[in-house]
Each structure stands twice: as C-alpha cells, then as structure tokens.
C-alpha atoms as a PDB file:
ATOM      1  CA  MET A   1       0.000   0.000   0.000  1.00  0.00           C
ATOM      2  CA  GLN A   2       1.383   3.418  -0.938  1.00  0.00           C
ATOM      3  CA  ASP A   3       1.914   6.139   1.642  1.00  0.00           C
ATOM      4  CA  ALA A   4      -1.140   8.389   1.419  1.00  0.00           C
ATOM      5  CA  ARG A   5       0.529  11.320   3.171  1.00  0.00           C
ATOM      6  CA  SER A   6       1.121  14.477   1.164  1.00  0.00           C
ATOM      7  CA  PRO A   7       4.623  15.970   0.772  1.00  0.00           C
ATOM      8  CA  CYS A   8       3.680  18.538   3.418  1.00  0.00           C
ATOM      9  CA  ASP A   9       2.842  15.756   5.873  1.00  0.00           C
ATOM     10  CA  VAL A  10       6.191  14.073   5.290  1.00  0.00           C
ATOM     11  CA  HIS A  11       8.009  17.260   6.285  1.00  0.00           C
ATOM     12  CA  ASP A  12       5.740  17.776   9.290  1.00  0.00           C
ATOM     13  CA  GLU A  13       6.961  14.766  11.294  1.00  0.00           C
ATOM     14  CA  PRO A  14       7.039  16.648  14.656  1.00  0.00           C
ATOM     15  CA  GLY A  15       3.456  17.763  14.095  1.00  0.00           C
ATOM     16  CA  ARG A  16       2.433  14.230  13.179  1.00  0.00           C
ATOM     17  CA  ARG A  17       3.959  12.883  16.376  1.00  0.00           C
ATOM     18  CA  ARG A  18       2.152  15.538  18.413  1.00  0.00           C
ATOM     19  CA  ARG A  19      -1.131  14.458  16.832  1.00  0.00           C
ATOM     20  CA  LEU A  20      -0.377  10.814  17.674  1.00  0.00           C
ATOM     21  CA  VAL A  21       0.295  11.786  21.299  1.00  0.00           C
ATOM     22  CA  GLN A  22      -2.991  13.710  21.406  1.00  0.00           C
ATOM     23  CA  ARG A  23      -4.877  10.727  19.957  1.00  0.00           C
ATOM     24  CA  TRP A  24      -3.275   8.402  22.499  1.00  0.00           C
ATOM     25  CA  ARG A  25      -4.229  10.702  25.409  1.00  0.00           C
ATOM     26  CA  ALA A  26      -7.787  10.962  24.113  1.00  0.00           C
ATOM     27  CA  PHE A  27      -8.016   7.164  23.839  1.00  0.00           C
ATOM     28  CA  ARG A  28      -6.663   6.628  27.360  1.00  0.00           C
ATOM     29  CA  GLY A  29      -9.029   9.232  28.773  1.00  0.00           C
ATOM     30  CA  GLY A  30     -11.933   7.541  27.045  1.00  0.00           C
ATOM     31  CA  MET A  31     -10.939   4.168  28.440  1.00  0.00           C
ATOM     32  CA  GLN A  32     -10.729   5.593  31.954  1.00  0.00           C
ATOM     33  CA  ALA A  33     -14.043   7.417  31.615  1.00  0.00           C
ATOM     34  CA  ALA A  34     -15.699   4.208  30.447  1.00  0.00           C
ATOM     35  CA  GLY A  35     -14.232   2.318  33.371  1.00  0.00           C
ATOM     36  CA  CYS A  36     -12.359   0.030  30.938  1.00  0.00           C
ATOM     37  CA  ARG A  37     -15.693  -1.394  29.902  1.00  0.00           C
ATOM     38  CA  PHE A  38     -14.120  -3.992  27.677  1.00  0.00           C
ATOM     39  CA  GLY A  39     -11.441  -4.933  30.198  1.00  0.00           C
ATOM     40  CA  MET A  40      -7.993  -3.581  30.867  1.00  0.00           C
ATOM     41  CA  THR A  41      -5.945  -3.077  27.722  1.00  0.00           C
ATOM     42  CA  ILE A  42      -2.196  -3.093  27.254  1.00  0.00           C
ATOM     43  CA  SER A  43      -2.129   0.268  25.485  1.00  0.00           C
ATOM     44  CA  SER A  44      -4.098   1.919  28.308  1.00  0.00           C
ATOM     45  CA  LEU A  45      -1.152   1.094  30.614  1.00  0.00           C
ATOM     46  CA  LEU A  46       1.544   2.346  28.268  1.00  0.00           C
ATOM     47  CA  THR A  47       2.753   5.846  27.576  1.00  0.00           C
ATOM     48  CA  PRO A  48       5.559   6.697  25.156  1.00  0.00           C
ATOM     49  CA  GLU A  49       7.714   7.295  28.252  1.00  0.00           C
ATOM     50  CA  LEU A  50       7.330   3.604  29.135  1.00  0.00           C
ATOM     51  CA  VAL A  51       8.685   2.446  25.777  1.00  0.00           C
ATOM     52  CA  LEU A  52      12.323   1.683  24.977  1.00  0.00           C
ATOM     53  CA  PRO A  53      12.508   1.625  21.158  1.00  0.00           C
ATOM     54  CA  ALA A  54      16.204   0.651  21.113  1.00  0.00           C
ATOM     55  CA  LEU A  55      17.385  -1.519  24.001  1.00  0.00           C
ATOM     56  CA  PRO A  56      21.074  -0.795  24.666  1.00  0.00           C
ATOM     57  CA  VAL A  57      21.745  -4.267  26.152  1.00  0.00           C
ATOM     58  CA  GLN A  58      22.736  -7.696  24.860  1.00  0.00           C
ATOM     59  CA  ALA A  59      21.680 -10.226  27.516  1.00  0.00           C
ATOM     60  CA  LYS A  60      18.349 -11.299  28.993  1.00  0.00           C
ATOM     61  CA  ALA A  61      19.349 -10.380  32.555  1.00  0.00           C
ATOM     62  CA  GLN A  62      20.220  -6.886  31.356  1.00  0.00           C
ATOM     63  CA  VAL A  63      16.847  -6.583  29.638  1.00  0.00           C
ATOM     64  CA  LEU A  64      15.056  -7.309  32.915  1.00  0.00           C
ATOM     65  CA  GLU A  65      17.183  -4.747  34.758  1.00  0.00           C
ATOM     66  CA  ALA A  66      16.553  -2.143  32.056  1.00  0.00           C
ATOM     67  CA  LEU A  67      12.791  -2.713  32.100  1.00  0.00           C
ATOM     68  CA  ALA A  68      12.612  -2.478  35.899  1.00  0.00           C
ATOM     69  CA  ALA A  69      14.737   0.676  35.940  1.00  0.00           C
ATOM     70  CA  HIS A  70      12.621   2.298  33.230  1.00  0.00           C
ATOM     71  CA  VAL A  71       9.403   1.551  35.094  1.00  0.00           C
ATOM     72  CA  GLY A  72      10.978   3.111  38.190  1.00  0.00           C
ATOM     73  CA  LEU A  73      11.769   6.311  36.313  1.00  0.00           C
ATOM     74  CA  VAL A  74       8.147   6.754  35.259  1.00  0.00           C
ATOM     75  CA  HIS A  75       6.633   5.343  38.474  1.00  0.00           C
ATOM     76  CA  PRO A  76       8.937   6.497  41.316  1.00  0.00           C
ATOM     77  CA  ASP A  77       6.782   4.709  43.913  1.00  0.00           C
ATOM     78  CA  VAL A  78       7.841   1.316  42.486  1.00  0.00           C
ATOM     79  CA  ASP A  79      10.731  -0.419  44.251  1.00  0.00           C
ATOM     80  CA  VAL A  80      13.021  -1.041  41.284  1.00  0.00           C
ATOM     81  CA  ARG A  81      15.230  -3.568  43.071  1.00  0.00           C
ATOM     82  CA  ARG A  82      12.258  -5.597  44.257  1.00  0.00           C
ATOM     83  CA  LEU A  83      10.769  -5.566  40.755  1.00  0.00           C
ATOM     84  CA  ALA A  84      14.037  -6.607  39.112  1.00  0.00           C
ATOM     85  CA  ASP A  85      14.571  -9.408  41.648  1.00  0.00           C
ATOM     86  CA  ALA A  86      11.042 -10.687  41.045  1.00  0.00           C
ATOM     87  CA  LEU A  87      11.613 -10.685  37.279  1.00  0.00           C
ATOM     88  CA  HIS A  88      14.874 -12.609  37.607  1.00  0.00           C
ATOM     89  CA  GLU A  89      13.202 -15.157  39.888  1.00  0.00           C
ATOM     90  CA  ARG A  90      10.333 -15.603  37.427  1.00  0.00           C
ATOM     91  CA  GLU A  91      12.786 -16.231  34.594  1.00  0.00           C
ATOM     92  CA  ARG A  92      14.637 -18.812  36.680  1.00  0.00           C
ATOM     93  CA  GLN A  93      11.397 -20.781  36.951  1.00  0.00           C
ATOM     94  CA  SER A  94      10.841 -20.779  33.175  1.00  0.00           C
ATOM     95  CA  THR A  95      11.533 -18.416  30.336  1.00  0.00           C
ATOM     96  CA  THR A  96       8.854 -15.906  29.375  1.00  0.00           C
ATOM     97  CA  ALA A  97      10.169 -15.847  25.805  1.00  0.00           C
ATOM     98  CA  LEU A  98       7.643 -17.063  23.256  1.00  0.00           C
ATOM     99  CA  ASP A  99       8.029 -17.995  19.603  1.00  0.00           C
ATOM    100  CA  ASN A 100       8.434 -15.449  16.813  1.00  0.00           C
ATOM    101  CA  GLY A 101      10.800 -13.124  18.646  1.00  0.00           C
ATOM    102  CA  VAL A 102       8.573 -11.938  21.496  1.00  0.00           C
ATOM    103  CA  ALA A 103       8.728 -12.219  25.275  1.00  0.00           C
ATOM    104  CA  ILE A 104       6.234 -11.245  27.980  1.00  0.00           C
ATOM    105  CA  PRO A 105       8.121 -10.924  31.285  1.00  0.00           C
ATOM    106  CA  HIS A 106       5.466 -10.817  34.002  1.00  0.00           C
ATOM    107  CA  VAL A 107       5.316 -10.793  37.799  1.00  0.00           C
ATOM    108  CA  ARG A 108       2.949 -10.078  40.649  1.00  0.00           C
ATOM    109  CA  LEU A 109       4.052  -7.658  43.373  1.00  0.00           C
ATOM    110  CA  ALA A 110       2.337  -7.241  46.716  1.00  0.00           C
ATOM    111  CA  GLY A 111       0.931  -3.811  47.441  1.00  0.00           C
ATOM    112  CA  LEU A 112       0.956  -2.529  43.879  1.00  0.00           C
ATOM    113  CA  PRO A 113      -1.953  -0.060  43.442  1.00  0.00           C
ATOM    114  CA  GLY A 114      -2.587  -1.036  39.835  1.00  0.00           C
ATOM    115  CA  PRO A 115      -1.133  -2.883  36.842  1.00  0.00           C
ATOM    116  CA  LEU A 116       1.942  -1.539  35.064  1.00  0.00           C
ATOM    117  CA  ALA A 117       3.441  -2.198  31.653  1.00  0.00           C
ATOM    118  CA  ALA A 118       6.526  -1.336  29.652  1.00  0.00           C
ATOM    119  CA  LEU A 119       7.617  -2.173  26.123  1.00  0.00           C
ATOM    120  CA  ALA A 120      11.142  -2.594  24.775  1.00  0.00           C
ATOM    121  CA  ARG A 121      12.589  -3.448  21.392  1.00  0.00           C
ATOM    122  CA  SER A 122      15.975  -4.851  20.389  1.00  0.00           C
ATOM    123  CA  ALA A 123      17.198  -4.298  16.845  1.00  0.00           C
ATOM    124  CA  ALA A 124      19.478  -7.339  16.734  1.00  0.00           C
ATOM    125  CA  GLY A 125      17.515  -9.582  19.081  1.00  0.00           C
ATOM    126  CA  ILE A 126      18.617 -11.220  22.329  1.00  0.00           C
ATOM    127  CA  SER A 127      18.851 -14.919  23.121  1.00  0.00           C
ATOM    128  CA  CYS A 128      16.199 -15.675  25.751  1.00  0.00           C
ATOM    129  CA  GLY A 129      15.665 -19.416  25.408  1.00  0.00           C
ATOM    130  CA  ALA A 130      12.600 -19.319  23.177  1.00  0.00           C
ATOM    131  CA  ALA A 131      11.324 -22.722  22.053  1.00  0.00           C
ATOM    132  CA  ASP A 132      11.827 -21.877  18.372  1.00  0.00           C
ATOM    133  CA  GLY A 133      15.431 -20.818  19.025  1.00  0.00           C
ATOM    134  CA  ARG A 134      14.935 -17.355  17.558  1.00  0.00           C
ATOM    135  CA  PRO A 135      16.336 -14.255  19.285  1.00  0.00           C
ATOM    136  CA  THR A 136      13.811 -12.077  21.068  1.00  0.00           C
ATOM    137  CA  ARG A 137      13.251  -8.583  19.715  1.00  0.00           C
ATOM    138  CA  LEU A 138      10.053  -7.428  21.443  1.00  0.00           C
ATOM    139  CA  PHE A 139       9.684  -7.423  25.236  1.00  0.00           C
ATOM    140  CA  LEU A 140       6.343  -6.555  26.823  1.00  0.00           C
ATOM    141  CA  LEU A 141       6.598  -6.260  30.610  1.00  0.00           C
ATOM    142  CA  LEU A 142       3.467  -6.746  32.729  1.00  0.00           C
ATOM    143  CA  VAL A 143       3.369  -6.150  36.483  1.00  0.00           C
ATOM    144  CA  VAL A 144       0.195  -6.587  38.532  1.00  0.00           C
ATOM    145  CA  SER A 145      -0.757  -6.599  42.176  1.00  0.00           C
ATOM    146  CA  ALA A 146      -0.383  -9.948  43.951  1.00  0.00           C
ATOM    147  CA  GLU A 147      -3.781  -9.221  45.476  1.00  0.00           C
ATOM    148  CA  GLN A 148      -5.459  -9.201  42.042  1.00  0.00           C
ATOM    149  CA  PRO A 149      -4.471 -12.456  40.284  1.00  0.00           C
ATOM    150  CA  GLY A 150      -7.432 -12.247  37.916  1.00  0.00           C
ATOM    151  CA  SER A 151      -6.121  -9.107  36.249  1.00  0.00           C
ATOM    152  CA  HIS A 152      -2.782 -10.851  35.757  1.00  0.00           C
ATOM    153  CA  LEU A 153      -4.337 -13.641  33.707  1.00  0.00           C
ATOM    154  CA  LYS A 154      -6.460 -11.274  31.624  1.00  0.00           C
ATOM    155  CA  LEU A 155      -3.533  -9.029  30.762  1.00  0.00           C
ATOM    156  CA  LEU A 156      -1.367 -12.010  29.867  1.00  0.00           C
ATOM    157  CA  ALA A 157      -4.081 -13.351  27.579  1.00  0.00           C
ATOM    158  CA  ASN A 158      -4.456  -9.942  25.899  1.00  0.00           C
ATOM    159  CA  ALA A 159      -0.696  -9.605  25.453  1.00  0.00           C
ATOM    160  CA  ALA A 160      -0.302 -13.099  24.006  1.00  0.00           C
ATOM    161  CA  ARG A 161      -3.178 -12.501  21.601  1.00  0.00           C
ATOM    162  CA  LEU A 162      -1.708  -9.194  20.434  1.00  0.00           C
ATOM    163  CA  LEU A 163       1.815 -10.476  19.904  1.00  0.00           C
ATOM    164  CA  SER A 164       0.667 -13.635  18.135  1.00  0.00           C
ATOM    165  CA  ASP A 165      -0.549 -11.358  15.321  1.00  0.00           C
ATOM    166  CA  ALA A 166       2.214 -11.332  12.698  1.00  0.00           C
ATOM    167  CA  ARG A 167       1.049  -7.987  11.295  1.00  0.00           C
ATOM    168  CA  CYS A 168       1.166  -6.392  14.746  1.00  0.00           C
ATOM    169  CA  ARG A 169       4.683  -7.725  15.355  1.00  0.00           C
ATOM    170  CA  THR A 170       5.921  -6.455  12.005  1.00  0.00           C
ATOM    171  CA  ARG A 171       4.523  -2.995  12.595  1.00  0.00           C
ATOM    172  CA  LEU A 172       6.008  -2.845  16.090  1.00  0.00           C
ATOM    173  CA  LEU A 173       9.427  -3.713  14.678  1.00  0.00           C
ATOM    174  CA  GLU A 174       9.078  -1.070  11.973  1.00  0.00           C
ATOM    175  CA  ALA A 175       7.594   1.772  14.075  1.00  0.00           C
ATOM    176  CA  PRO A 176      10.029   4.711  14.076  1.00  0.00           C
ATOM    177  CA  SER A 177       9.298   6.057  17.556  1.00  0.00           C
ATOM    178  CA  ALA A 178       7.916   5.271  21.009  1.00  0.00           C
ATOM    179  CA  VAL A 179       4.776   7.249  20.187  1.00  0.00           C
ATOM    180  CA  GLU A 180       4.084   5.132  17.128  1.00  0.00           C
ATOM    181  CA  LEU A 181       4.828   1.882  18.968  1.00  0.00           C
ATOM    182  CA  VAL A 182       2.037   2.729  21.413  1.00  0.00           C
ATOM    183  CA  ALA A 183      -0.219   3.764  18.539  1.00  0.00           C
ATOM    184  CA  VAL A 184       0.296   0.391  16.811  1.00  0.00           C
ATOM    185  CA  LEU A 185      -0.659  -1.514  19.966  1.00  0.00           C
ATOM    186  CA  ARG A 186      -3.715   0.662  20.478  1.00  0.00           C
ATOM    187  CA  GLU A 187      -4.885   0.176  16.902  1.00  0.00           C
ATOM    188  CA  HIS A 188      -4.575  -3.607  17.053  1.00  0.00           C
ATOM    189  CA  GLU A 189      -6.308  -3.774  20.440  1.00  0.00           C
ATOM    190  CA  GLU A 190      -9.192  -1.675  19.170  1.00  0.00           C
ATOM    191  CA  ARG A 191      -9.504  -3.977  16.154  1.00  0.00           C
ATOM    192  CA  ALA A 192      -9.514  -7.060  18.398  1.00  0.00           C
ATOM    193  CA  GLN A 193     -12.210  -5.506  20.599  1.00  0.00           C
ATOM    194  CA  ARG A 194     -14.381  -4.775  17.567  1.00  0.00           C
ATOM    195  CA  SER A 195     -14.016  -8.372  16.440  1.00  0.00           C
ATOM    196  CA  VAL A 196     -15.080  -9.625  19.878  1.00  0.00           C
ATOM    197  CA  ARG A 197     -18.123  -7.344  19.931  1.00  0.00           C
ATOM    198  CA  ALA A 198     -19.121  -8.405  16.415  1.00  0.00           C
ATOM    199  CA  ALA A 199     -18.821 -12.124  17.203  1.00  0.00           C
END
C-alpha cells in the first residue's frame, strides 16, 4: 500500500507525532471514563515514556534490569530492586520468551496499586531461550498486584493474543518512535475488541 501522506505531511513529522500523542491521550481518557468497559488493555497502561525503542543491552538479565529501571523512572513509587529481583526469579522458573521473537516478562508484586506495563525493542535480538530458538526482539513487561491475580491472567491473555498477530509484530518492529509503537498496539487492540463485539 502506498503512503497516502502528502509531501507537506512528510516534512511535518514533529506535528504528526504531536497528533499521535494527542490521539493516544484521548483514547486513554476515554478508556478511563468508560471504566475500561471492555477490560484492561495493554495500550491503556503504556505511555511513550514507558517504551524503549532501542534496548542498549545484549543479555536477557540486562533486559530485565533495564525494564525495571525504566518503570521506576516513570513510576517512582515502584521499588526497582524488588521488581528486578522478582523478574529474575520468574525467569529462573521458566523463560517468558515465546516464539516469533517476542517475550512477555510478568510478575505479581504485593501492594501494587494497579497494573503496570513497559515495552522494549531490540534491533538485533537477544537470546532468551525461546522454544523456536529465535532471538527475542520485542519485550512486553506486565506487572500486577499480587492481590489481584485475575487481572494478571487477563492481561497475559491480551498480550499473548496481540503479539501472536504477525502484522502487529511487524509494525512494532518497523515503528520509528515510542509514540508510534504505542499507537500500533492501540490500533490492534481496538480492532480485536471490535471483532469480539461483532462475534
């Protein structure tokens, strides 16, 4: 499909990104106002600040540390060391790397007021022990309260469904910025919700 943007749009990249941010904020506000009527979504937990488009690390343990540290920067009330330790312990039990270059590191932490998410991308890919042997390029972190195990399962199911979509994965790998990474997730979640409602 050809790019439908005009030459003016191509040279207005900062303005385009601002519009994407505004659309994301409007979507999140709508979700909150509706009380997440269709369930908690991944994109409602993410902001561009919680996205690492280019992971500067080369090992799985470093990925977990980077994700925990990044969450701590955006959510200063989160104990970064406790989160990182929990992620390492979860990975020791079994890898959270799935097929097709994706991983969903996930843990439950006691006392967390609400679910958290972060997204990271590696250009070269990182060996994480996936069953298909492929390096992992997309990492979607999910953290929920230990007191709300139900939300944990729902978010995991949503994340797995999203990242099993080859088109979604391709677009996430091609997205040029954190803003557009969040926009891709939002678009695919909205499409999935429409499909569920139409079924």
